[in-house]
PDB file of N, CA and C in Angstrom:
ATOM      1  N   UNK A   1      23.538-208.664  58.309  1.00  0.00           N
ATOM      2  CA  UNK A   1      24.900-208.718  57.600  1.00  0.00           C
ATOM      3  C   UNK A   1      24.954-209.562  56.305  1.00  0.00           C
ATOM      4  N   UNK A   2      25.946-209.225  55.451  1.00  0.00           N
ATOM      5  CA  UNK A   2      26.340-210.424  54.433  1.00  0.00           C
ATOM      6  C   UNK A   2      27.598-210.575  54.449  1.00  0.00           C
ATOM      7  N   UNK A   3      27.743-212.308  54.459  1.00  0.00           N
ATOM      8  CA  UNK A   3      29.231-212.444  54.654  1.00  0.00           C
ATOM      9  C   UNK A   3      30.087-213.250  52.889  1.00  0.00           C
ATOM     10  N   UNK A   4      30.618-213.475  52.699  1.00  0.00           N
ATOM     11  CA  UNK A   4      31.300-213.453  51.547  1.00  0.00           C
ATOM     12  C   UNK A   4      32.489-213.647  51.178  1.00  0.00           C
ATOM     13  N   UNK A   5      32.682-214.778  49.994  1.00  0.00           N
ATOM     14  CA  UNK A   5      34.229-214.475  49.579  1.00  0.00           C
ATOM     15  C   UNK A   5      34.706-213.938  48.043  1.00  0.00           C
ATOM     16  N   UNK A   6      35.419-213.102  48.517  1.00  0.00           N
ATOM     17  CA  UNK A   6      35.950-211.857  47.763  1.00  0.00           C
ATOM     18  C   UNK A   6      37.270-212.740  47.126  1.00  0.00           C
ATOM     19  N   UNK A   7      37.316-213.045  45.664  1.00  0.00           N
ATOM     20  CA  UNK A   7      38.688-213.649  45.103  1.00  0.00           C
ATOM     21  C   UNK A   7      39.339-212.565  43.895  1.00  0.00           C
ATOM     22  N   UNK A   8      40.481-212.678  44.457  1.00  0.00           N
ATOM     23  CA  UNK A   8      41.746-211.226  43.622  1.00  0.00           C
ATOM     24  C   UNK A   8      42.394-212.423  42.936  1.00  0.00           C
ATOM     25  N   UNK A   9      42.778-212.126  41.689  1.00  0.00           N
ATOM     26  CA  UNK A   9      43.415-213.056  41.187  1.00  0.00           C
ATOM     27  C   UNK A   9      44.883-211.832  40.673  1.00  0.00           C
ATOM     28  N   UNK A  10      46.121-212.269  40.493  1.00  0.00           N
ATOM     29  CA  UNK A  10      47.337-212.301  40.051  1.00  0.00           C
ATOM     30  C   UNK A  10      47.775-213.187  39.080  1.00  0.00           C
ATOM     31  N   UNK A  11      48.818-212.825  38.698  1.00  0.00           N
ATOM     32  CA  UNK A  11      49.611-214.077  37.353  1.00  0.00           C
ATOM     33  C   UNK A  11      49.645-214.668  37.931  1.00  0.00           C
ATOM     34  N   UNK A  12      50.186-215.262  39.127  1.00  0.00           N
ATOM     35  CA  UNK A  12      51.027-216.274  39.864  1.00  0.00           C
ATOM     36  C   UNK A  12      49.742-217.263  40.749  1.00  0.00           C
ATOM     37  N   UNK A  13      48.678-216.699  41.290  1.00  0.00           N
ATOM     38  CA  UNK A  13      48.093-217.528  42.153  1.00  0.00           C
ATOM     39  C   UNK A  13      46.755-217.091  42.377  1.00  0.00           C
ATOM     40  N   UNK A  14      45.445-217.584  43.194  1.00  0.00           N
ATOM     41  CA  UNK A  14      44.630-216.850  43.495  1.00  0.00           C
ATOM     42  C   UNK A  14      44.673-216.307  45.014  1.00  0.00           C
ATOM     43  N   UNK A  15      43.928-215.446  45.324  1.00  0.00           N
ATOM     44  CA  UNK A  15      43.778-215.245  47.136  1.00  0.00           C
ATOM     45  C   UNK A  15      42.465-215.334  47.342  1.00  0.00           C
ATOM     46  N   UNK A  16      42.452-215.797  48.481  1.00  0.00           N
ATOM     47  CA  UNK A  16      40.932-215.970  49.272  1.00  0.00           C
ATOM     48  C   UNK A  16      40.856-215.083  50.483  1.00  0.00           C
ATOM     49  N   UNK A  17      40.006-213.952  50.300  1.00  0.00           N
ATOM     50  CA  UNK A  17      39.881-213.071  51.263  1.00  0.00           C
ATOM     51  C   UNK A  17      38.808-212.877  51.611  1.00  0.00           C
ATOM     52  N   UNK A  18      37.868-213.385  53.287  1.00  0.00           N
ATOM     53  CA  UNK A  18      36.996-213.029  53.364  1.00  0.00           C
ATOM     54  C   UNK A  18      36.412-211.635  53.608  1.00  0.00           C
ATOM     55  N   UNK A  19      35.784-211.345  52.977  1.00  0.00           N
ATOM     56  CA  UNK A  19      34.881-209.447  53.384  1.00  0.00           C
ATOM     57  C   UNK A  19      33.594-209.721  54.380  1.00  0.00           C
ATOM     58  N   UNK A  20      33.387-208.926  55.063  1.00  0.00           N
ATOM     59  CA  UNK A  20      32.731-208.999  55.624  1.00  0.00           C
ATOM     60  C   UNK A  20      31.620-207.863  55.589  1.00  0.00           C
ATOM     61  N   UNK A  21      30.385-207.503  55.196  1.00  0.00           N
ATOM     62  CA  UNK A  21      30.064-206.272  54.332  1.00  0.00           C
ATOM     63  C   UNK A  21      28.969-206.245  55.672  1.00  0.00           C
ATOM     64  N   UNK A  22      28.725-205.190  56.244  1.00  0.00           N
ATOM     65  CA  UNK A  22      27.767-204.539  57.243  1.00  0.00           C
ATOM     66  C   UNK A  22      26.774-203.729  56.491  1.00  0.00           C
ATOM     67  N   UNK A  23      25.390-204.247  56.621  1.00  0.00           N
ATOM     68  CA  UNK A  23      24.637-203.503  56.168  1.00  0.00           C
ATOM     69  C   UNK A  23      23.590-202.911  56.812  1.00  0.00           C
ATOM     70  N   UNK A  24      23.798-202.577  58.220  1.00  0.00           N
ATOM     71  CA  UNK A  24      23.258-201.800  59.446  1.00  0.00           C
ATOM     72  C   UNK A  24      25.062-201.315  59.608  1.00  0.00           C
ATOM     73  N   UNK A  25      24.169-200.153  60.657  1.00  0.00           N
ATOM     74  CA  UNK A  25      25.141-199.532  60.843  1.00  0.00           C
ATOM     75  C   UNK A  25      26.642-200.176  61.784  1.00  0.00           C
ATOM     76  N   UNK A  26      27.777-199.932  61.283  1.00  0.00           N
ATOM     77  CA  UNK A  26      28.886-200.595  61.902  1.00  0.00           C
ATOM     78  C   UNK A  26      29.422-199.702  63.240  1.00  0.00           C
ATOM     79  N   UNK A  27      29.518-200.354  64.427  1.00  0.00           N
ATOM     80  CA  UNK A  27      30.128-199.566  65.010  1.00  0.00           C
ATOM     81  C   UNK A  27      31.200-200.075  66.041  1.00  0.00           C
ATOM     82  N   UNK A  28      31.808-201.252  65.456  1.00  0.00           N
ATOM     83  CA  UNK A  28      33.422-201.309  65.681  1.00  0.00           C
ATOM     84  C   UNK A  28      32.803-202.730  66.542  1.00  0.00           C
ATOM     85  N   UNK A  29      32.348-202.955  66.550  1.00  0.00           N
ATOM     86  CA  UNK A  29      32.232-204.265  67.327  1.00  0.00           C
ATOM     87  C   UNK A  29      31.809-205.514  66.743  1.00  0.00           C
ATOM     88  N   UNK A  30      31.925-205.369  65.425  1.00  0.00           N
ATOM     89  CA  UNK A  30      32.044-206.686  64.316  1.00  0.00           C
ATOM     90  C   UNK A  30      33.413-206.905  63.834  1.00  0.00           C
ATOM     91  N   UNK A  31      34.507-205.446  63.681  1.00  0.00           N
ATOM     92  CA  UNK A  31      35.597-205.768  63.494  1.00  0.00           C
ATOM     93  C   UNK A  31      37.074-206.753  63.857  1.00  0.00           C
ATOM     94  N   UNK A  32      37.402-207.584  63.757  1.00  0.00           N
ATOM     95  CA  UNK A  32      37.702-208.398  64.427  1.00  0.00           C
ATOM     96  C   UNK A  32      37.497-209.979  64.502  1.00  0.00           C
ATOM     97  N   UNK A  33      36.581-210.388  63.629  1.00  0.00           N
ATOM     98  CA  UNK A  33      36.450-211.579  64.040  1.00  0.00           C
ATOM     99  C   UNK A  33      36.609-212.335  63.175  1.00  0.00           C
ATOM    100  N   UNK A  34      37.662-212.205  62.805  1.00  0.00           N
ATOM    101  CA  UNK A  34      38.559-213.082  61.495  1.00  0.00           C
ATOM    102  C   UNK A  34      37.981-212.858  60.391  1.00  0.00           C
ATOM    103  N   UNK A  35      37.845-211.722  59.757  1.00  0.00           N
ATOM    104  CA  UNK A  35      37.708-211.623  58.773  1.00  0.00           C
ATOM    105  C   UNK A  35      38.647-210.367  58.080  1.00  0.00           C
ATOM    106  N   UNK A  36      39.111-210.488  56.986  1.00  0.00           N
ATOM    107  CA  UNK A  36      40.137-209.480  56.463  1.00  0.00           C
ATOM    108  C   UNK A  36      39.528-207.993  55.739  1.00  0.00           C
ATOM    109  N   UNK A  37      38.446-207.890  56.295  1.00  0.00           N
ATOM    110  CA  UNK A  37      37.751-206.747  55.529  1.00  0.00           C
ATOM    111  C   UNK A  37      36.695-206.274  56.073  1.00  0.00           C
ATOM    112  N   UNK A  38      36.508-205.727  57.007  1.00  0.00           N
ATOM    113  CA  UNK A  38      34.564-205.071  57.001  1.00  0.00           C
ATOM    114  C   UNK A  38      34.394-204.041  56.921  1.00  0.00           C
ATOM    115  N   UNK A  39      33.729-203.559  56.325  1.00  0.00           N
ATOM    116  CA  UNK A  39      32.806-202.510  56.018  1.00  0.00           C
ATOM    117  C   UNK A  39      31.424-201.732  55.921  1.00  0.00           C
ATOM    118  N   UNK A  40      31.036-200.761  56.635  1.00  0.00           N
ATOM    119  CA  UNK A  40      29.422-200.293  56.467  1.00  0.00           C
ATOM    120  C   UNK A  40      29.561-199.681  55.571  1.00  0.00           C
ATOM    121  N   UNK A  41      27.770-199.713  55.122  1.00  0.00           N
ATOM    122  CA  UNK A  41      27.327-199.291  54.059  1.00  0.00           C
ATOM    123  C   UNK A  41      26.404-198.218  53.693  1.00  0.00           C
ATOM    124  N   UNK A  42      25.531-198.569  55.280  1.00  0.00           N
ATOM    125  CA  UNK A  42      24.216-198.174  55.463  1.00  0.00           C
ATOM    126  C   UNK A  42      24.172-196.259  55.336  1.00  0.00           C
ATOM    127  N   UNK A  43      25.045-195.832  56.035  1.00  0.00           N
ATOM    128  CA  UNK A  43      24.770-194.455  56.303  1.00  0.00           C
ATOM    129  C   UNK A  43      25.114-193.163  54.794  1.00  0.00           C
ATOM    130  N   UNK A  44      25.622-193.707  54.118  1.00  0.00           N
ATOM    131  CA  UNK A  44      25.888-193.442  53.172  1.00  0.00           C
ATOM    132  C   UNK A  44      26.663-192.309  53.233  1.00  0.00           C
ATOM    133  N   UNK A  45      27.289-191.715  54.508  1.00  0.00           N
ATOM    134  CA  UNK A  45      28.089-191.038  54.730  1.00  0.00           C
ATOM    135  C   UNK A  45      29.281-190.824  54.974  1.00  0.00           C
ATOM    136  N   UNK A  46      30.553-191.324  53.713  1.00  0.00           N
ATOM    137  CA  UNK A  46      32.257-191.929  54.311  1.00  0.00           C
ATOM    138  C   UNK A  46      32.909-191.278  55.639  1.00  0.00           C
ATOM    139  N   UNK A  47      33.151-192.279  55.916  1.00  0.00           N
ATOM    140  CA  UNK A  47      33.888-192.006  57.646  1.00  0.00           C
ATOM    141  C   UNK A  47      35.407-191.867  57.967  1.00  0.00           C
ATOM    142  N   UNK A  48      36.240-191.579  58.339  1.00  0.00           N
ATOM    143  CA  UNK A  48      37.580-191.170  58.725  1.00  0.00           C
ATOM    144  C   UNK A  48      38.003-192.353  59.323  1.00  0.00           C
ATOM    145  N   UNK A  49      37.685-193.479  59.558  1.00  0.00           N
ATOM    146  CA  UNK A  49      38.042-193.995  60.856  1.00  0.00           C
ATOM    147  C   UNK A  49      39.157-195.406  60.423  1.00  0.00           C
ATOM    148  N   UNK A  50      39.251-195.535  58.728  1.00  0.00           N
ATOM    149  CA  UNK A  50      39.851-196.686  57.986  1.00  0.00           C
ATOM    150  C   UNK A  50      41.194-196.518  58.804  1.00  0.00           C
ATOM    151  N   UNK A  51      41.024-198.164  58.930  1.00  0.00           N
ATOM    152  CA  UNK A  51      42.286-198.864  59.742  1.00  0.00           C
ATOM    153  C   UNK A  51      42.851-200.005  59.552  1.00  0.00           C
ATOM    154  N   UNK A  52      43.359-200.525  59.443  1.00  0.00           N
ATOM    155  CA  UNK A  52      43.785-201.775  59.642  1.00  0.00           C
ATOM    156  C   UNK A  52      44.383-202.287  61.233  1.00  0.00           C
ATOM    157  N   UNK A  53      43.382-203.600  61.765  1.00  0.00           N
ATOM    158  CA  UNK A  53      43.363-203.932  63.299  1.00  0.00           C
ATOM    159  C   UNK A  53      44.798-204.933  63.030  1.00  0.00           C
ATOM    160  N   UNK A  54      45.389-205.293  64.625  1.00  0.00           N
ATOM    161  CA  UNK A  54      46.192-205.962  64.318  1.00  0.00           C
ATOM    162  C   UNK A  54      46.596-207.382  63.716  1.00  0.00           C
ATOM    163  N   UNK A  55      45.433-207.707  63.789  1.00  0.00           N
ATOM    164  CA  UNK A  55      45.086-208.990  63.075  1.00  0.00           C
ATOM    165  C   UNK A  55      44.994-209.505  61.597  1.00  0.00           C
ATOM    166  N   UNK A  56      45.063-207.987  61.163  1.00  0.00           N
ATOM    167  CA  UNK A  56      45.087-207.988  59.526  1.00  0.00           C
ATOM    168  C   UNK A  56      43.527-207.697  59.171  1.00  0.00           C
ATOM    169  N   UNK A  57      42.634-207.320  59.767  1.00  0.00           N
ATOM    170  CA  UNK A  57      41.328-206.932  59.344  1.00  0.00           C
ATOM    171  C   UNK A  57      41.067-205.563  59.233  1.00  0.00           C
ATOM    172  N   UNK A  58      40.960-205.181  57.699  1.00  0.00           N
ATOM    173  CA  UNK A  58      41.491-203.746  57.164  1.00  0.00           C
ATOM    174  C   UNK A  58      39.364-203.265  57.527  1.00  0.00           C
ATOM    175  N   UNK A  59      39.281-202.239  58.405  1.00  0.00           N
ATOM    176  CA  UNK A  59      37.865-201.820  59.273  1.00  0.00           C
ATOM    177  C   UNK A  59      37.802-200.173  58.350  1.00  0.00           C
ATOM    178  N   UNK A  60      36.246-200.059  58.208  1.00  0.00           N
ATOM    179  CA  UNK A  60      36.226-198.874  58.277  1.00  0.00           C
ATOM    180  C   UNK A  60      34.474-198.213  58.404  1.00  0.00           C
ATOM    181  N   UNK A  61      33.935-197.070  58.926  1.00  0.00           N
ATOM    182  CA  UNK A  61      32.548-197.742  59.864  1.00  0.00           C
ATOM    183  C   UNK A  61      31.543-197.323  58.330  1.00  0.00           C
ATOM    184  N   UNK A  62      31.931-197.002  57.528  1.00  0.00           N
ATOM    185  CA  UNK A  62      31.287-196.346  56.147  1.00  0.00           C
ATOM    186  C   UNK A  62      32.116-196.100  55.079  1.00  0.00           C
ATOM    187  N   UNK A  63      31.583-196.779  53.615  1.00  0.00           N
ATOM    188  CA  UNK A  63      32.274-196.499  52.649  1.00  0.00           C
ATOM    189  C   UNK A  63      31.726-195.204  51.925  1.00  0.00           C
ATOM    190  N   UNK A  64      30.552-194.930  52.301  1.00  0.00           N
ATOM    191  CA  UNK A  64      30.375-193.722  51.464  1.00  0.00           C
ATOM    192  C   UNK A  64      29.240-194.104  50.474  1.00  0.00           C
ATOM    193  N   UNK A  65      28.725-193.103  49.635  1.00  0.00           N
ATOM    194  CA  UNK A  65      28.151-193.164  48.168  1.00  0.00           C
ATOM    195  C   UNK A  65      28.434-192.721  47.418  1.00  0.00           C
ATOM    196  N   UNK A  66      27.916-193.501  45.897  1.00  0.00           N
ATOM    197  CA  UNK A  66      28.607-193.276  44.681  1.00  0.00           C
ATOM    198  C   UNK A  66      27.245-192.583  44.279  1.00  0.00           C
ATOM    199  N   UNK A  67      27.331-191.247  43.827  1.00  0.00           N
ATOM    200  CA  UNK A  67      26.199-190.939  43.158  1.00  0.00           C
ATOM    201  C   UNK A  67      25.741-189.220  43.184  1.00  0.00           C
ATOM    202  N   UNK A  68      25.144-188.853  43.443  1.00  0.00           N
ATOM    203  CA  UNK A  68      24.771-187.508  42.926  1.00  0.00           C
ATOM    204  C   UNK A  68      25.199-186.774  44.322  1.00  0.00           C
ATOM    205  N   UNK A  69      25.809-185.866  44.794  1.00  0.00           N
ATOM    206  CA  UNK A  69      26.319-185.061  46.210  1.00  0.00           C
ATOM    207  C   UNK A  69      25.257-183.932  46.337  1.00  0.00           C
ATOM    208  N   UNK A  70      24.844-183.580  45.674  1.00  0.00           N
ATOM    209  CA  UNK A  70      23.993-182.819  46.107  1.00  0.00           C
ATOM    210  C   UNK A  70      22.585-183.168  46.594  1.00  0.00           C
ATOM    211  N   UNK A  71      21.921-184.198  46.704  1.00  0.00           N
ATOM    212  CA  UNK A  71      21.003-184.491  47.016  1.00  0.00           C
ATOM    213  C   UNK A  71      20.812-184.814  48.833  1.00  0.00           C
ATOM    214  N   UNK A  72      20.194-185.653  49.120  1.00  0.00           N
ATOM    215  CA  UNK A  72      20.447-186.655  50.473  1.00  0.00           C
ATOM    216  C   UNK A  72      19.797-188.220  49.775  1.00  0.00           C
ATOM    217  N   UNK A  73      21.461-188.626  50.319  1.00  0.00           N
ATOM    218  CA  UNK A  73      21.368-190.494  49.624  1.00  0.00           C
ATOM    219  C   UNK A  73      21.304-190.383  48.017  1.00  0.00           C
ATOM    220  N   UNK A  74      21.392-189.562  47.682  1.00  0.00           N
ATOM    221  CA  UNK A  74      21.094-189.553  46.164  1.00  0.00           C
ATOM    222  C   UNK A  74      19.824-189.222  45.242  1.00  0.00           C
ATOM    223  N   UNK A  75      18.392-188.639  46.377  1.00  0.00           N
ATOM    224  CA  UNK A  75      17.681-187.749  45.450  1.00  0.00           C
ATOM    225  C   UNK A  75      17.627-186.575  45.717  1.00  0.00           C
ATOM    226  N   UNK A  76      16.626-185.776  45.277  1.00  0.00           N
ATOM    227  CA  UNK A  76      16.683-184.493  45.121  1.00  0.00           C
ATOM    228  C   UNK A  76      15.491-184.377  46.233  1.00  0.00           C
ATOM    229  N   UNK A  77      16.504-183.433  47.035  1.00  0.00           N
ATOM    230  CA  UNK A  77      16.208-182.571  48.823  1.00  0.00           C
ATOM    231  C   UNK A  77      15.083-182.493  48.442  1.00  0.00           C
ATOM    232  N   UNK A  78      14.294-181.668  47.649  1.00  0.00           N
ATOM    233  CA  UNK A  78      12.960-181.295  47.188  1.00  0.00           C
ATOM    234  C   UNK A  78      11.954-182.321  48.384  1.00  0.00           C
ATOM    235  N   UNK A  79      12.065-183.435  47.197  1.00  0.00           N
ATOM    236  CA  UNK A  79      11.229-184.537  47.407  1.00  0.00           C
ATOM    237  C   UNK A  79      11.656-185.075  48.784  1.00  0.00           C
ATOM    238  N   UNK A  80      12.515-185.018  49.381  1.00  0.00           N
ATOM    239  CA  UNK A  80      12.954-186.239  50.648  1.00  0.00           C
ATOM    240  C   UNK A  80      11.968-185.192  51.795  1.00  0.00           C
ATOM    241  N   UNK A  81      11.857-183.826  51.255  1.00  0.00           N
ATOM    242  CA  UNK A  81      11.516-182.674  53.053  1.00  0.00           C
ATOM    243  C   UNK A  81       9.973-182.905  52.572  1.00  0.00           C
ATOM    244  N   UNK A  82       9.581-182.907  50.998  1.00  0.00           N
ATOM    245  CA  UNK A  82       8.001-182.828  51.075  1.00  0.00           C
ATOM    246  C   UNK A  82       7.738-184.505  51.543  1.00  0.00           C
ATOM    247  N   UNK A  83       8.535-185.342  51.004  1.00  0.00           N
ATOM    248  CA  UNK A  83       7.706-186.815  52.231  1.00  0.00           C
ATOM    249  C   UNK A  83       7.818-186.333  53.404  1.00  0.00           C
ATOM    250  N   UNK A  84       8.732-185.961  54.126  1.00  0.00           N
ATOM    251  CA  UNK A  84       8.950-186.121  55.665  1.00  0.00           C
ATOM    252  C   UNK A  84       7.802-185.045  55.999  1.00  0.00           C
ATOM    253  N   UNK A  85       7.375-184.313  55.412  1.00  0.00           N
ATOM    254  CA  UNK A  85       6.261-183.327  56.070  1.00  0.00           C
ATOM    255  C   UNK A  85       5.104-183.681  55.520  1.00  0.00           C
ATOM    256  N   UNK A  86       4.516-183.873  54.513  1.00  0.00           N
ATOM    257  CA  UNK A  86       3.581-184.494  54.263  1.00  0.00           C
ATOM    258  C   UNK A  86       3.371-186.073  54.638  1.00  0.00           C
ATOM    259  N   UNK A  87       4.181-187.102  55.160  1.00  0.00           N
ATOM    260  CA  UNK A  87       4.215-188.095  55.561  1.00  0.00           C
ATOM    261  C   UNK A  87       3.600-189.068  54.623  1.00  0.00           C
ATOM    262  N   UNK A  88       3.525-188.865  53.500  1.00  0.00           N
ATOM    263  CA  UNK A  88       3.073-189.659  52.393  1.00  0.00           C
ATOM    264  C   UNK A  88       4.226-190.172  51.261  1.00  0.00           C
ATOM    265  N   UNK A  89       3.682-191.247  50.607  1.00  0.00           N
ATOM    266  CA  UNK A  89       4.444-191.920  49.746  1.00  0.00           C
ATOM    267  C   UNK A  89       4.603-190.864  48.439  1.00  0.00           C
ATOM    268  N   UNK A  90       5.970-190.404  48.034  1.00  0.00           N
ATOM    269  CA  UNK A  90       6.259-189.963  46.787  1.00  0.00           C
ATOM    270  C   UNK A  90       7.230-190.555  45.608  1.00  0.00           C
ATOM    271  N   UNK A  91       7.099-190.832  44.769  1.00  0.00           N
ATOM    272  CA  UNK A  91       8.212-191.074  43.602  1.00  0.00           C
ATOM    273  C   UNK A  91       9.490-190.166  43.711  1.00  0.00           C
ATOM    274  N   UNK A  92      10.284-190.970  44.054  1.00  0.00           N
ATOM    275  CA  UNK A  92      11.710-189.844  44.155  1.00  0.00           C
ATOM    276  C   UNK A  92      13.135-189.781  42.806  1.00  0.00           C
ATOM    277  N   UNK A  93      13.339-189.150  42.443  1.00  0.00           N
ATOM    278  CA  UNK A  93      14.067-188.577  41.322  1.00  0.00           C
ATOM    279  C   UNK A  93      15.451-188.424  41.871  1.00  0.00           C
ATOM    280  N   UNK A  94      15.887-188.761  40.965  1.00  0.00           N
ATOM    281  CA  UNK A  94      17.659-188.765  41.254  1.00  0.00           C
ATOM    282  C   UNK A  94      18.128-187.345  41.203  1.00  0.00           C
ATOM    283  N   UNK A  95      19.004-186.852  42.384  1.00  0.00           N
ATOM    284  CA  UNK A  95      19.132-185.714  42.284  1.00  0.00           C
ATOM    285  C   UNK A  95      20.307-184.686  40.668  1.00  0.00           C
ATOM    286  N   UNK A  96      20.014-184.005  40.821  1.00  0.00           N
ATOM    287  CA  UNK A  96      20.743-183.534  39.620  1.00  0.00           C
ATOM    288  C   UNK A  96      22.132-182.931  40.176  1.00  0.00           C
ATOM    289  N   UNK A  97      23.080-182.760  39.222  1.00  0.00           N
ATOM    290  CA  UNK A  97      24.388-181.700  39.840  1.00  0.00           C
ATOM    291  C   UNK A  97      25.706-182.800  40.001  1.00  0.00           C
ATOM    292  N   UNK A  98      26.423-182.536  40.342  1.00  0.00           N
ATOM    293  CA  UNK A  98      27.770-183.384  40.505  1.00  0.00           C
ATOM    294  C   UNK A  98      27.660-184.760  40.969  1.00  0.00           C
ATOM    295  N   UNK A  99      28.614-185.697  41.040  1.00  0.00           N
ATOM    296  CA  UNK A  99      28.516-187.101  41.417  1.00  0.00           C
ATOM    297  C   UNK A  99      29.923-187.396  41.902  1.00  0.00           C
ATOM    298  N   UNK A 100      29.934-188.096  42.593  1.00  0.00           N
ATOM    299  CA  UNK A 100      30.928-188.597  43.606  1.00  0.00           C
ATOM    300  C   UNK A 100      31.497-190.046  43.599  1.00  0.00           C
ATOM    301  N   UNK A 101      32.589-191.037  43.608  1.00  0.00           N
ATOM    302  CA  UNK A 101      32.714-192.300  43.905  1.00  0.00           C
ATOM    303  C   UNK A 101      33.263-192.064  44.592  1.00  0.00           C
ATOM    304  N   UNK A 102      32.748-193.005  45.638  1.00  0.00           N
ATOM    305  CA  UNK A 102      33.562-193.626  47.353  1.00  0.00           C
ATOM    306  C   UNK A 102      33.790-194.921  47.682  1.00  0.00           C
ATOM    307  N   UNK A 103      34.608-195.662  48.273  1.00  0.00           N
ATOM    308  CA  UNK A 103      34.752-196.359  48.347  1.00  0.00           C
ATOM    309  C   UNK A 103      35.901-196.344  49.477  1.00  0.00           C
ATOM    310  N   UNK A 104      36.765-197.878  49.027  1.00  0.00           N
ATOM    311  CA  UNK A 104      38.343-197.946  49.796  1.00  0.00           C
ATOM    312  C   UNK A 104      38.964-198.985  48.993  1.00  0.00           C
ATOM    313  N   UNK A 105      40.028-198.630  48.824  1.00  0.00           N
ATOM    314  CA  UNK A 105      41.175-199.241  48.826  1.00  0.00           C
ATOM    315  C   UNK A 105      41.999-200.138  49.368  1.00  0.00           C
ATOM    316  N   UNK A 106      41.486-201.401  49.115  1.00  0.00           N
ATOM    317  CA  UNK A 106      42.436-202.756  50.401  1.00  0.00           C
ATOM    318  C   UNK A 106      43.913-203.539  49.673  1.00  0.00           C
ATOM    319  N   UNK A 107      44.461-203.369  50.169  1.00  0.00           N
ATOM    320  CA  UNK A 107      45.742-203.921  50.150  1.00  0.00           C
ATOM    321  C   UNK A 107      46.144-205.355  50.932  1.00  0.00           C
ATOM    322  N   UNK A 108      45.669-206.257  50.716  1.00  0.00           N
ATOM    323  CA  UNK A 108      45.791-207.671  50.813  1.00  0.00           C
ATOM    324  C   UNK A 108      47.178-208.324  50.823  1.00  0.00           C
ATOM    325  N   UNK A 109      48.188-209.020  51.940  1.00  0.00           N
ATOM    326  CA  UNK A 109      48.804-209.753  51.828  1.00  0.00           C
ATOM    327  C   UNK A 109      48.670-210.984  50.699  1.00  0.00           C
ATOM    328  N   UNK A 110      49.673-211.401  49.687  1.00  0.00           N
ATOM    329  CA  UNK A 110      48.699-212.555  48.934  1.00  0.00           C
ATOM    330  C   UNK A 110      49.133-214.120  49.766  1.00  0.00           C
ATOM    331  N   UNK A 111      50.053-213.911  50.664  1.00  0.00           N
ATOM    332  CA  UNK A 111      50.494-215.469  51.035  1.00  0.00           C
ATOM    333  C   UNK A 111      49.377-215.476  52.742  1.00  0.00           C
ATOM    334  N   UNK A 112      48.925-214.563  52.806  1.00  0.00           N
ATOM    335  CA  UNK A 112      47.934-214.689  54.180  1.00  0.00           C
ATOM    336  C   UNK A 112      46.802-214.215  54.044  1.00  0.00           C
ATOM    337  N   UNK A 113      46.392-213.233  53.230  1.00  0.00           N
ATOM    338  CA  UNK A 113      44.891-212.858  53.192  1.00  0.00           C
ATOM    339  C   UNK A 113      44.522-211.931  53.839  1.00  0.00           C
ATOM    340  N   UNK A 114      45.552-211.145  54.678  1.00  0.00           N
ATOM    341  CA  UNK A 114      45.140-210.251  55.719  1.00  0.00           C
ATOM    342  C   UNK A 114      45.912-209.322  54.639  1.00  0.00           C
ATOM    343  N   UNK A 115      44.811-208.040  55.131  1.00  0.00           N
ATOM    344  CA  UNK A 115      45.147-206.572  54.955  1.00  0.00           C
ATOM    345  C   UNK A 115      46.605-206.077  55.164  1.00  0.00           C
ATOM    346  N   UNK A 116      46.871-205.416  54.639  1.00  0.00           N
ATOM    347  CA  UNK A 116      48.164-204.661  55.131  1.00  0.00           C
ATOM    348  C   UNK A 116      48.052-202.727  55.457  1.00  0.00           C
ATOM    349  N   UNK A 117      46.755-201.932  54.183  1.00  0.00           N
ATOM    350  CA  UNK A 117      46.676-201.039  54.530  1.00  0.00           C
ATOM    351  C   UNK A 117      45.131-201.037  53.468  1.00  0.00           C
ATOM    352  N   UNK A 118      44.532-199.992  54.313  1.00  0.00           N
ATOM    353  CA  UNK A 118      43.324-199.757  53.621  1.00  0.00           C
ATOM    354  C   UNK A 118      43.291-197.993  53.212  1.00  0.00           C
ATOM    355  N   UNK A 119      42.970-197.264  52.323  1.00  0.00           N
ATOM    356  CA  UNK A 119      42.839-196.132  51.958  1.00  0.00           C
ATOM    357  C   UNK A 119      41.430-195.635  51.450  1.00  0.00           C
ATOM    358  N   UNK A 120      41.041-194.522  51.694  1.00  0.00           N
ATOM    359  CA  UNK A 120      39.549-194.037  51.503  1.00  0.00           C
ATOM    360  C   UNK A 120      39.884-193.388  50.116  1.00  0.00           C
ATOM    361  N   UNK A 121      39.193-194.117  49.294  1.00  0.00           N
ATOM    362  CA  UNK A 121      38.950-193.566  47.637  1.00  0.00           C
ATOM    363  C   UNK A 121      37.449-192.266  47.869  1.00  0.00           C
ATOM    364  N   UNK A 122      37.651-191.218  46.445  1.00  0.00           N
ATOM    365  CA  UNK A 122      36.669-190.485  46.639  1.00  0.00           C
ATOM    366  C   UNK A 122      37.110-189.645  45.421  1.00  0.00           C
ATOM    367  N   UNK A 123      36.435-190.018  44.273  1.00  0.00           N
ATOM    368  CA  UNK A 123      36.664-189.439  42.804  1.00  0.00           C
ATOM    369  C   UNK A 123      35.237-188.620  42.403  1.00  0.00           C
ATOM    370  N   UNK A 124      35.657-187.730  42.096  1.00  0.00           N
ATOM    371  CA  UNK A 124      34.522-186.507  42.010  1.00  0.00           C
ATOM    372  C   UNK A 124      34.877-186.376  40.657  1.00  0.00           C
ATOM    373  N   UNK A 125      33.221-186.346  39.877  1.00  0.00           N
ATOM    374  CA  UNK A 125      33.171-186.298  38.538  1.00  0.00           C
ATOM    375  C   UNK A 125      33.145-184.750  38.138  1.00  0.00           C
TER     376      UNK A 125
END
């Protein structure tokens, strides 16, 4: 996992709010550890469990995938099947077709740095 400080700026002050980004599947145990956002990024399928926990931590199990939507995690699905069946390395090509941007929008209280809302974002291209 990666712990980092994300700094937002507005016209009057700087806001420092820690963001815990889970590279492994997030199962909720990481949430509420004093961070203001816990977001999972491993499974590439956007989940519908976003919420703000009582201490002001925004949480979602998986943000989703930004990229082609007609493939398997952004790769041509025929290549994924071929690799699975043959168990041999293969050069992956990006899937063709429509793409989408997925993520979340988190609103943070400037005075406390605590999340007040989290909303899923999905923008189709």
